[in-house]
Amino acid sequence: MKITIVALAALLLAACAPVTIGRITSDPSRFTNRPVKVSGTVTNSVGVMGKGGYQIDDGTGQIYVISGKGVPSRGSRVEVTGRVSPGVEVLGTPIGVAIREDSHRVR
């Protein structure tokens, strides 16, 4: 029983361990629909009525983040938790791999 609890705890902690954007974009299928945590600088953002999207750069790559909880301003350092989605389209334009945000924290 203790081994099962320890294994489950390790799995949950590993699922939320920080990962680089470069790792996500180089092998998106490995991260599809899995929770990830990334940090970076907002390089572009668009928001309307608390929803929108922004792009972050961590030095290894850039990725779009789709948010329903507000959008940080350009130049902000953020930590994002969410799930990876490949083949995302915005207004009919493909943007590729993106993170559907669960939460973000401006640092």
C-alpha atoms as a PDB file:
ATOM      1  CA  MET A   1       0.000   0.000   0.000  1.00  0.00           C
ATOM      2  CA  LYS A   2       2.794   2.447   0.892  1.00  0.00           C
ATOM      3  CA  ILE A   3       4.587   1.706  -2.373  1.00  0.00           C
ATOM      4  CA  THR A   4       1.427   2.504  -4.339  1.00  0.00           C
ATOM      5  CA  ILE A   5       0.992   5.832  -2.550  1.00  0.00           C
ATOM      6  CA  VAL A   6       4.643   6.767  -3.072  1.00  0.00           C
ATOM      7  CA  ALA A   7       4.473   5.816  -6.767  1.00  0.00           C
ATOM      8  CA  LEU A   8       1.276   7.841  -7.250  1.00  0.00           C
ATOM      9  CA  ALA A   9       2.782  10.877  -5.505  1.00  0.00           C
ATOM     10  CA  ALA A  10       5.922  10.677  -7.672  1.00  0.00           C
ATOM     11  CA  LEU A  11       3.805  10.448 -10.821  1.00  0.00           C
ATOM     12  CA  LEU A  12       1.746  13.517  -9.863  1.00  0.00           C
ATOM     13  CA  LEU A  13       4.835  15.560  -9.023  1.00  0.00           C
ATOM     14  CA  ALA A  14       6.561  14.565 -12.257  1.00  0.00           C
ATOM     15  CA  ALA A  15       3.495  15.553 -14.293  1.00  0.00           C
ATOM     16  CA  CYS A  16       3.802  19.149 -13.073  1.00  0.00           C
ATOM     17  CA  ALA A  17       7.594  19.424 -13.237  1.00  0.00           C
ATOM     18  CA  PRO A  18       8.797  22.351 -15.357  1.00  0.00           C
ATOM     19  CA  VAL A  19       9.658  21.520 -18.962  1.00  0.00           C
ATOM     20  CA  THR A  20      11.291  23.638 -21.655  1.00  0.00           C
ATOM     21  CA  ILE A  21       9.286  24.920 -24.590  1.00  0.00           C
ATOM     22  CA  GLY A  22      11.921  23.469 -26.917  1.00  0.00           C
ATOM     23  CA  ARG A  23      11.189  19.956 -25.607  1.00  0.00           C
ATOM     24  CA  ILE A  24       7.457  20.439 -26.136  1.00  0.00           C
ATOM     25  CA  THR A  25       7.758  21.785 -29.685  1.00  0.00           C
ATOM     26  CA  SER A  26      10.349  19.192 -30.743  1.00  0.00           C
ATOM     27  CA  ASP A  27       8.093  16.262 -29.749  1.00  0.00           C
ATOM     28  CA  PRO A  28       4.519  17.525 -29.194  1.00  0.00           C
ATOM     29  CA  SER A  29       2.980  14.037 -29.331  1.00  0.00           C
ATOM     30  CA  ARG A  30       4.842  13.135 -26.132  1.00  0.00           C
ATOM     31  CA  PHE A  31       3.081  15.981 -24.282  1.00  0.00           C
ATOM     32  CA  THR A  32      -0.349  16.000 -25.990  1.00  0.00           C
ATOM     33  CA  ASN A  33      -3.186  16.397 -23.438  1.00  0.00           C
ATOM     34  CA  ARG A  34      -0.715  16.116 -20.567  1.00  0.00           C
ATOM     35  CA  PRO A  35      -0.262  18.746 -17.868  1.00  0.00           C
ATOM     36  CA  VAL A  36       2.884  20.853 -18.276  1.00  0.00           C
ATOM     37  CA  LYS A  37       4.452  23.816 -16.533  1.00  0.00           C
ATOM     38  CA  VAL A  38       6.576  26.311 -18.483  1.00  0.00           C
ATOM     39  CA  SER A  39       8.118  29.678 -17.673  1.00  0.00           C
ATOM     40  CA  GLY A  40       9.102  32.459 -20.010  1.00  0.00           C
ATOM     41  CA  THR A  41       8.678  36.028 -21.181  1.00  0.00           C
ATOM     42  CA  VAL A  42       5.526  37.169 -22.956  1.00  0.00           C
ATOM     43  CA  THR A  43       6.507  38.267 -26.461  1.00  0.00           C
ATOM     44  CA  ASN A  44       3.019  38.928 -27.836  1.00  0.00           C
ATOM     45  CA  SER A  45      -0.468  39.074 -26.327  1.00  0.00           C
ATOM     46  CA  VAL A  46      -4.050  39.714 -27.404  1.00  0.00           C
ATOM     47  CA  GLY A  47      -7.008  39.772 -25.051  1.00  0.00           C
ATOM     48  CA  VAL A  48     -10.687  40.657 -25.186  1.00  0.00           C
ATOM     49  CA  MET A  49     -12.993  40.601 -22.149  1.00  0.00           C
ATOM     50  CA  GLY A  50     -10.693  38.406 -20.056  1.00  0.00           C
ATOM     51  CA  LYS A  51      -9.990  35.853 -22.784  1.00  0.00           C
ATOM     52  CA  GLY A  52      -7.321  35.629 -25.428  1.00  0.00           C
ATOM     53  CA  GLY A  53      -3.876  34.312 -26.066  1.00  0.00           C
ATOM     54  CA  TYR A  54      -0.242  35.133 -25.721  1.00  0.00           C
ATOM     55  CA  GLN A  55       3.104  33.818 -26.864  1.00  0.00           C
ATOM     56  CA  ILE A  56       5.955  33.070 -24.484  1.00  0.00           C
ATOM     57  CA  ASP A  57       9.673  32.496 -25.043  1.00  0.00           C
ATOM     58  CA  ASP A  58      11.906  30.640 -22.597  1.00  0.00           C
ATOM     59  CA  GLY A  59      15.129  30.825 -24.605  1.00  0.00           C
ATOM     60  CA  THR A  60      14.654  27.317 -26.054  1.00  0.00           C
ATOM     61  CA  GLY A  61      11.620  28.188 -28.169  1.00  0.00           C
ATOM     62  CA  GLN A  62       8.278  29.943 -28.344  1.00  0.00           C
ATOM     63  CA  ILE A  63       4.753  28.630 -27.809  1.00  0.00           C
ATOM     64  CA  TYR A  64       1.265  30.088 -27.849  1.00  0.00           C
ATOM     65  CA  VAL A  65      -0.905  29.961 -24.743  1.00  0.00           C
ATOM     66  CA  ILE A  66      -4.696  30.070 -25.001  1.00  0.00           C
ATOM     67  CA  SER A  67      -6.241  31.665 -21.919  1.00  0.00           C
ATOM     68  CA  GLY A  68      -9.730  32.083 -20.564  1.00  0.00           C
ATOM     69  CA  LYS A  69      -8.478  33.819 -17.420  1.00  0.00           C
ATOM     70  CA  GLY A  70      -6.900  37.043 -18.601  1.00  0.00           C
ATOM     71  CA  VAL A  71      -3.785  37.749 -20.616  1.00  0.00           C
ATOM     72  CA  PRO A  72      -0.497  39.056 -19.193  1.00  0.00           C
ATOM     73  CA  SER A  73       1.076  42.061 -20.878  1.00  0.00           C
ATOM     74  CA  ARG A  74       4.014  41.938 -23.251  1.00  0.00           C
ATOM     75  CA  GLY A  75       7.354  41.724 -21.439  1.00  0.00           C
ATOM     76  CA  SER A  76       5.918  40.006 -18.343  1.00  0.00           C
ATOM     77  CA  ARG A  77       7.686  36.954 -16.908  1.00  0.00           C
ATOM     78  CA  VAL A  78       5.105  34.200 -16.403  1.00  0.00           C
ATOM     79  CA  GLU A  79       4.802  30.638 -15.193  1.00  0.00           C
ATOM     80  CA  VAL A  80       2.057  28.745 -17.040  1.00  0.00           C
ATOM     81  CA  THR A  81       0.367  25.470 -16.173  1.00  0.00           C
ATOM     82  CA  GLY A  82      -1.848  23.805 -18.758  1.00  0.00           C
ATOM     83  CA  ARG A  83      -2.270  21.039 -21.309  1.00  0.00           C
ATOM     84  CA  VAL A  84      -0.525  20.772 -24.664  1.00  0.00           C
ATOM     85  CA  SER A  85      -2.727  20.805 -27.771  1.00  0.00           C
ATOM     86  CA  PRO A  86      -1.301  20.152 -31.248  1.00  0.00           C
ATOM     87  CA  GLY A  87      -2.844  21.580 -34.408  1.00  0.00           C
ATOM     88  CA  VAL A  88      -4.544  24.575 -32.809  1.00  0.00           C
ATOM     89  CA  GLU A  89      -6.313  27.092 -35.065  1.00  0.00           C
ATOM     90  CA  VAL A  90      -7.281  30.651 -34.177  1.00  0.00           C
ATOM     91  CA  LEU A  91      -9.846  32.334 -36.434  1.00  0.00           C
ATOM     92  CA  GLY A  92      -9.128  29.722 -39.095  1.00  0.00           C
ATOM     93  CA  THR A  93      -5.366  30.293 -39.014  1.00  0.00           C
ATOM     94  CA  PRO A  94      -3.241  27.342 -37.853  1.00  0.00           C
ATOM     95  CA  ILE A  95      -0.815  28.294 -35.086  1.00  0.00           C
ATOM     96  CA  GLY A  96       0.521  24.796 -34.410  1.00  0.00           C
ATOM     97  CA  VAL A  97       1.249  23.518 -30.923  1.00  0.00           C
ATOM     98  CA  ALA A  98      -0.231  25.534 -28.047  1.00  0.00           C
ATOM     99  CA  ILE A  99      -0.889  25.243 -24.330  1.00  0.00           C
ATOM    100  CA  ARG A 100      -4.480  25.500 -23.128  1.00  0.00           C
ATOM    101  CA  GLU A 101      -3.928  27.317 -19.880  1.00  0.00           C
ATOM    102  CA  ASP A 102      -5.208  26.105 -16.527  1.00  0.00           C
ATOM    103  CA  SER A 103      -3.463  28.950 -14.685  1.00  0.00           C
ATOM    104  CA  HIS A 104      -0.660  31.437 -14.963  1.00  0.00           C
ATOM    105  CA  ARG A 105       1.358  33.439 -12.490  1.00  0.00           C
ATOM    106  CA  VAL A 106       3.134  36.671 -13.335  1.00  0.00           C
ATOM    107  CA  ARG A 107       6.533  36.935 -11.665  1.00  0.00           C
END
